[in-house]
Amino acid sequence: PDLRGYEKFGLGNVKYNISKIHVTAVEFPSASISLIPGTGIKLVIENASLTVDMNWNIRTWMFKDSGRSTVYISKVFVTAIFSILLDNTGYTSISLNSCRTTSGDIDIKLNGKS
């Protein structure tokens, strides 16, 4: 979905709109799944990266600008633990017990009129 809103700064409000968000690349160079006895599954993703393209525009009382942007997020680490349960009717359910995510670097390239 698009992201829209206002932010207050010292000299006034900044209205922003981020639209046409599109993930163009995802890399998982190291991923593993292991069983945790009595609990479920542990998923570990190391050193992943993600590239996202989007349109943006901002408006203040002094100026307005718009353009395209590319965001590259790297050194992403994810650890998630899932519970697997079997109910009385034989149906399996999976729920997320915990999730920890960190990212190391974010590179943002803005292309606009200004």
N, C-alpha and C. Protein backbone atom coordinates (compact mmCIF):
# COMPACT_ATOMS: atom_id res chain seq x y z
N PRO A 1 0.82 -1.21 0.00
CA PRO A 1 0.00 0.00 0.00
C PRO A 1 0.85 1.26 0.00
N ASP A 2 0.28 2.34 -0.46
CA ASP A 2 0.97 3.63 -0.46
C ASP A 2 1.14 4.13 0.97
N LEU A 3 2.16 4.94 1.18
CA LEU A 3 2.41 5.56 2.49
C LEU A 3 2.20 7.06 2.33
N ARG A 4 1.31 7.63 3.15
CA ARG A 4 1.01 9.06 3.10
C ARG A 4 0.97 9.61 4.50
N GLY A 5 1.34 10.86 4.62
CA GLY A 5 1.23 11.46 5.94
C GLY A 5 1.84 12.83 6.03
N TYR A 6 1.90 13.34 7.27
CA TYR A 6 2.48 14.63 7.59
C TYR A 6 3.51 14.43 8.69
N GLU A 7 4.55 15.20 8.62
CA GLU A 7 5.53 15.25 9.70
C GLU A 7 5.74 16.71 10.06
N LYS A 8 5.85 17.01 11.35
CA LYS A 8 6.08 18.38 11.80
C LYS A 8 7.57 18.61 12.00
N PHE A 9 8.05 19.70 11.45
CA PHE A 9 9.43 20.13 11.63
C PHE A 9 9.42 21.56 12.15
N GLY A 10 10.57 22.09 12.49
CA GLY A 10 10.66 23.41 13.09
C GLY A 10 9.94 24.51 12.31
N LEU A 11 10.03 24.51 10.99
CA LEU A 11 9.45 25.59 10.20
C LEU A 11 8.09 25.24 9.59
N GLY A 12 7.53 24.10 9.94
CA GLY A 12 6.21 23.77 9.40
C GLY A 12 6.04 22.29 9.16
N ASN A 13 4.98 21.96 8.44
CA ASN A 13 4.65 20.57 8.14
C ASN A 13 5.24 20.14 6.81
N VAL A 14 5.56 18.87 6.73
CA VAL A 14 5.99 18.26 5.48
C VAL A 14 4.96 17.18 5.15
N LYS A 15 4.33 17.32 4.00
CA LYS A 15 3.37 16.32 3.53
C LYS A 15 4.13 15.40 2.58
N TYR A 16 3.98 14.08 2.78
CA TYR A 16 4.70 13.14 1.92
C TYR A 16 3.75 12.06 1.39
N ASN A 17 4.14 11.51 0.25
CA ASN A 17 3.41 10.40 -0.36
C ASN A 17 4.43 9.48 -1.02
N ILE A 18 4.42 8.23 -0.64
CA ILE A 18 5.28 7.21 -1.25
C ILE A 18 4.34 6.20 -1.91
N SER A 19 4.51 6.02 -3.22
CA SER A 19 3.57 5.17 -3.96
C SER A 19 4.31 4.23 -4.91
N LYS A 20 3.56 3.32 -5.48
CA LYS A 20 4.08 2.33 -6.44
C LYS A 20 5.31 1.62 -5.89
N ILE A 21 5.20 1.17 -4.64
CA ILE A 21 6.29 0.47 -3.97
C ILE A 21 6.40 -0.93 -4.59
N HIS A 22 7.60 -1.25 -5.06
CA HIS A 22 7.79 -2.51 -5.78
C HIS A 22 9.12 -3.15 -5.36
N VAL A 23 9.06 -4.35 -4.84
CA VAL A 23 10.28 -5.09 -4.49
C VAL A 23 10.85 -5.65 -5.79
N THR A 24 12.07 -5.24 -6.13
CA THR A 24 12.69 -5.66 -7.39
C THR A 24 13.71 -6.77 -7.23
N ALA A 25 14.23 -6.96 -6.02
CA ALA A 25 15.21 -8.04 -5.81
C ALA A 25 15.24 -8.44 -4.34
N VAL A 26 15.38 -9.74 -4.11
CA VAL A 26 15.55 -10.30 -2.77
C VAL A 26 16.61 -11.39 -2.86
N GLU A 27 17.57 -11.36 -1.97
CA GLU A 27 18.61 -12.40 -1.96
C GLU A 27 18.73 -13.00 -0.57
N PHE A 28 18.74 -14.33 -0.50
CA PHE A 28 18.94 -15.07 0.74
C PHE A 28 20.17 -15.96 0.56
N PRO A 29 21.38 -15.41 0.73
CA PRO A 29 22.57 -16.23 0.51
C PRO A 29 22.77 -17.33 1.53
N SER A 30 22.19 -17.15 2.72
CA SER A 30 22.34 -18.16 3.76
C SER A 30 21.04 -18.27 4.54
N ALA A 31 20.37 -19.42 4.40
CA ALA A 31 19.12 -19.66 5.12
C ALA A 31 19.13 -21.10 5.61
N SER A 32 18.60 -21.31 6.82
CA SER A 32 18.53 -22.67 7.35
C SER A 32 17.25 -22.84 8.16
N ILE A 33 16.78 -24.08 8.18
CA ILE A 33 15.62 -24.46 8.98
C ILE A 33 16.02 -25.64 9.84
N SER A 34 15.68 -25.57 11.12
CA SER A 34 15.99 -26.68 12.02
C SER A 34 14.78 -26.97 12.90
N LEU A 35 14.69 -28.20 13.35
CA LEU A 35 13.61 -28.61 14.24
C LEU A 35 14.01 -28.36 15.69
N ILE A 36 13.08 -27.87 16.49
CA ILE A 36 13.29 -27.68 17.92
C ILE A 36 12.34 -28.66 18.62
N PRO A 37 12.87 -29.73 19.19
CA PRO A 37 12.01 -30.75 19.81
C PRO A 37 11.05 -30.14 20.84
N GLY A 38 9.78 -30.51 20.73
CA GLY A 38 8.77 -30.04 21.66
C GLY A 38 8.27 -28.63 21.39
N THR A 39 8.85 -27.95 20.42
CA THR A 39 8.45 -26.56 20.14
C THR A 39 7.98 -26.39 18.70
N GLY A 40 8.86 -26.66 17.75
CA GLY A 40 8.50 -26.45 16.35
C GLY A 40 9.70 -26.28 15.46
N ILE A 41 9.74 -25.19 14.74
CA ILE A 41 10.75 -24.95 13.70
C ILE A 41 11.45 -23.62 13.96
N LYS A 42 12.76 -23.62 13.72
CA LYS A 42 13.54 -22.39 13.80
C LYS A 42 14.04 -22.07 12.40
N LEU A 43 13.76 -20.83 11.94
CA LEU A 43 14.21 -20.35 10.65
C LEU A 43 15.26 -19.27 10.88
N VAL A 44 16.42 -19.42 10.24
CA VAL A 44 17.49 -18.43 10.35
C VAL A 44 17.89 -17.99 8.95
N ILE A 45 17.85 -16.69 8.71
CA ILE A 45 18.29 -16.10 7.44
C ILE A 45 19.41 -15.13 7.79
N GLU A 46 20.55 -15.29 7.10
CA GLU A 46 21.70 -14.46 7.39
C GLU A 46 22.16 -13.72 6.14
N ASN A 47 22.51 -12.46 6.33
CA ASN A 47 23.12 -11.63 5.28
C ASN A 47 22.23 -11.49 4.05
N ALA A 48 20.93 -11.36 4.26
CA ALA A 48 20.01 -11.18 3.15
C ALA A 48 20.04 -9.73 2.68
N SER A 49 19.50 -9.48 1.48
CA SER A 49 19.40 -8.12 0.97
C SER A 49 18.08 -7.96 0.22
N LEU A 50 17.69 -6.70 0.06
CA LEU A 50 16.40 -6.37 -0.53
C LEU A 50 16.53 -5.05 -1.27
N THR A 51 15.98 -4.98 -2.49
CA THR A 51 15.95 -3.75 -3.25
C THR A 51 14.50 -3.38 -3.53
N VAL A 52 14.15 -2.12 -3.26
CA VAL A 52 12.78 -1.64 -3.42
C VAL A 52 12.80 -0.34 -4.23
N ASP A 53 11.95 -0.27 -5.27
CA ASP A 53 11.77 0.96 -6.04
C ASP A 53 10.43 1.57 -5.68
N MET A 54 10.34 2.91 -5.77
CA MET A 54 9.10 3.59 -5.42
C MET A 54 9.08 4.99 -6.00
N ASN A 55 7.88 5.56 -6.09
CA ASN A 55 7.70 6.97 -6.41
C ASN A 55 7.56 7.73 -5.09
N TRP A 56 7.96 8.99 -5.08
CA TRP A 56 7.81 9.80 -3.88
C TRP A 56 7.48 11.24 -4.25
N ASN A 57 6.80 11.92 -3.36
CA ASN A 57 6.67 13.36 -3.49
C ASN A 57 6.51 13.96 -2.10
N ILE A 58 7.05 15.17 -1.96
CA ILE A 58 6.94 15.90 -0.71
C ILE A 58 6.49 17.32 -1.02
N ARG A 59 5.83 17.92 -0.02
CA ARG A 59 5.34 19.29 -0.17
C ARG A 59 5.45 20.00 1.17
N THR A 60 6.04 21.19 1.14
CA THR A 60 6.09 22.05 2.31
C THR A 60 5.53 23.41 1.90
N TRP A 61 5.50 24.35 2.82
CA TRP A 61 5.03 25.69 2.48
C TRP A 61 6.03 26.41 1.57
N MET A 62 7.30 25.91 1.54
CA MET A 62 8.33 26.57 0.72
C MET A 62 8.52 25.93 -0.64
N PHE A 63 8.39 24.60 -0.75
CA PHE A 63 8.68 23.94 -2.01
C PHE A 63 7.94 22.62 -2.09
N LYS A 64 7.96 22.06 -3.30
CA LYS A 64 7.45 20.71 -3.52
C LYS A 64 8.39 20.03 -4.50
N ASP A 65 8.49 18.71 -4.37
CA ASP A 65 9.37 17.94 -5.25
C ASP A 65 8.82 16.53 -5.33
N SER A 66 9.20 15.82 -6.40
CA SER A 66 8.78 14.43 -6.58
C SER A 66 9.81 13.72 -7.43
N GLY A 67 9.74 12.40 -7.43
CA GLY A 67 10.67 11.62 -8.25
C GLY A 67 10.56 10.14 -7.95
N ARG A 68 11.61 9.43 -8.32
CA ARG A 68 11.72 7.99 -8.08
C ARG A 68 12.82 7.77 -7.05
N SER A 69 12.72 6.62 -6.36
CA SER A 69 13.71 6.28 -5.35
C SER A 69 13.99 4.79 -5.40
N THR A 70 15.23 4.44 -5.11
CA THR A 70 15.62 3.05 -4.94
C THR A 70 16.22 2.90 -3.55
N VAL A 71 15.72 1.93 -2.80
CA VAL A 71 16.23 1.65 -1.46
C VAL A 71 16.85 0.27 -1.47
N TYR A 72 18.12 0.19 -1.04
CA TYR A 72 18.82 -1.09 -0.96
C TYR A 72 19.12 -1.35 0.51
N ILE A 73 18.57 -2.44 1.04
CA ILE A 73 18.78 -2.83 2.42
C ILE A 73 19.63 -4.09 2.43
N SER A 74 20.74 -4.07 3.15
CA SER A 74 21.64 -5.22 3.16
C SER A 74 22.01 -5.60 4.60
N LYS A 75 22.69 -6.72 4.71
CA LYS A 75 23.09 -7.28 6.00
C LYS A 75 21.87 -7.50 6.89
N VAL A 76 20.83 -8.10 6.31
CA VAL A 76 19.59 -8.38 7.03
C VAL A 76 19.70 -9.77 7.67
N PHE A 77 19.40 -9.85 8.96
CA PHE A 77 19.43 -11.10 9.70
C PHE A 77 18.06 -11.32 10.33
N VAL A 78 17.51 -12.52 10.16
CA VAL A 78 16.19 -12.86 10.69
C VAL A 78 16.29 -14.19 11.43
N THR A 79 15.75 -14.24 12.63
CA THR A 79 15.59 -15.49 13.36
C THR A 79 14.14 -15.57 13.79
N ALA A 80 13.45 -16.62 13.36
CA ALA A 80 12.03 -16.80 13.70
C ALA A 80 11.81 -18.21 14.23
N ILE A 81 10.97 -18.30 15.24
CA ILE A 81 10.61 -19.61 15.81
C ILE A 81 9.10 -19.79 15.66
N PHE A 82 8.73 -20.91 15.04
CA PHE A 82 7.33 -21.23 14.79
C PHE A 82 6.92 -22.43 15.63
N SER A 83 5.72 -22.38 16.22
CA SER A 83 5.14 -23.51 16.92
C SER A 83 4.27 -24.29 15.95
N ILE A 84 4.35 -25.61 16.02
CA ILE A 84 3.50 -26.47 15.20
C ILE A 84 2.65 -27.30 16.14
N LEU A 85 1.33 -27.15 15.99
CA LEU A 85 0.39 -27.86 16.86
C LEU A 85 -0.55 -28.71 16.02
N LEU A 86 -0.93 -29.85 16.57
CA LEU A 86 -1.90 -30.75 15.94
C LEU A 86 -3.10 -30.82 16.87
N ASP A 87 -4.29 -30.39 16.36
CA ASP A 87 -5.47 -30.39 17.24
C ASP A 87 -6.14 -31.76 17.24
N ASN A 88 -7.23 -31.90 18.00
CA ASN A 88 -7.93 -33.18 18.15
C ASN A 88 -8.51 -33.71 16.86
N THR A 89 -8.78 -32.83 15.90
CA THR A 89 -9.38 -33.25 14.63
C THR A 89 -8.32 -33.63 13.60
N GLY A 90 -7.05 -33.43 13.95
CA GLY A 90 -5.97 -33.79 13.03
C GLY A 90 -5.44 -32.64 12.19
N TYR A 91 -5.98 -31.44 12.38
CA TYR A 91 -5.50 -30.28 11.63
C TYR A 91 -4.24 -29.72 12.27
N THR A 92 -3.32 -29.31 11.42
CA THR A 92 -2.07 -28.72 11.87
C THR A 92 -2.18 -27.21 11.83
N SER A 93 -1.70 -26.56 12.87
CA SER A 93 -1.64 -25.10 12.87
C SER A 93 -0.21 -24.67 13.16
N ILE A 94 0.18 -23.58 12.52
CA ILE A 94 1.51 -23.02 12.71
C ILE A 94 1.34 -21.59 13.19
N SER A 95 2.05 -21.24 14.25
CA SER A 95 2.00 -19.86 14.75
C SER A 95 3.42 -19.37 15.03
N LEU A 96 3.60 -18.08 14.88
CA LEU A 96 4.90 -17.46 15.11
C LEU A 96 5.07 -17.19 16.60
N ASN A 97 6.08 -17.81 17.20
CA ASN A 97 6.38 -17.60 18.63
C ASN A 97 7.22 -16.35 18.85
N SER A 98 8.28 -16.22 18.05
CA SER A 98 9.16 -15.07 18.20
C SER A 98 9.84 -14.77 16.87
N CYS A 99 10.21 -13.52 16.71
CA CYS A 99 10.90 -13.10 15.49
C CYS A 99 11.82 -11.95 15.84
N ARG A 100 13.06 -12.03 15.38
CA ARG A 100 14.03 -10.95 15.58
C ARG A 100 14.66 -10.64 14.23
N THR A 101 14.66 -9.37 13.87
CA THR A 101 15.21 -8.94 12.59
C THR A 101 16.12 -7.74 12.82
N THR A 102 17.28 -7.76 12.18
CA THR A 102 18.18 -6.61 12.20
C THR A 102 18.66 -6.35 10.78
N SER A 103 18.97 -5.09 10.50
CA SER A 103 19.56 -4.76 9.20
C SER A 103 20.78 -3.90 9.45
N GLY A 104 21.79 -4.10 8.63
CA GLY A 104 23.05 -3.40 8.82
C GLY A 104 23.16 -2.11 8.05
N ASP A 105 22.83 -2.12 6.77
CA ASP A 105 23.02 -0.95 5.91
C ASP A 105 21.75 -0.66 5.12
N ILE A 106 21.46 0.63 4.98
CA ILE A 106 20.36 1.08 4.12
C ILE A 106 20.91 2.18 3.23
N ASP A 107 20.81 1.99 1.91
CA ASP A 107 21.28 2.96 0.93
C ASP A 107 20.05 3.47 0.18
N ILE A 108 19.83 4.79 0.22
CA ILE A 108 18.67 5.39 -0.43
C ILE A 108 19.14 6.33 -1.52
N LYS A 109 18.65 6.10 -2.73
CA LYS A 109 18.96 6.99 -3.86
C LYS A 109 17.67 7.69 -4.28
N LEU A 110 17.68 9.02 -4.20
CA LEU A 110 16.53 9.84 -4.59
C LEU A 110 16.82 10.51 -5.92
N ASN A 111 15.91 10.36 -6.85
CA ASN A 111 15.98 11.07 -8.13
C ASN A 111 14.76 11.96 -8.22
N GLY A 112 14.99 13.28 -8.26
CA GLY A 112 13.88 14.21 -8.29
C GLY A 112 14.20 15.40 -9.16
N LYS A 113 13.27 16.31 -9.21
CA LYS A 113 13.42 17.52 -10.03
C LYS A 113 14.46 18.46 -9.46
N SER A 114 14.51 18.54 -8.13
CA SER A 114 15.47 19.46 -7.50
C SER A 114 16.82 18.80 -7.48
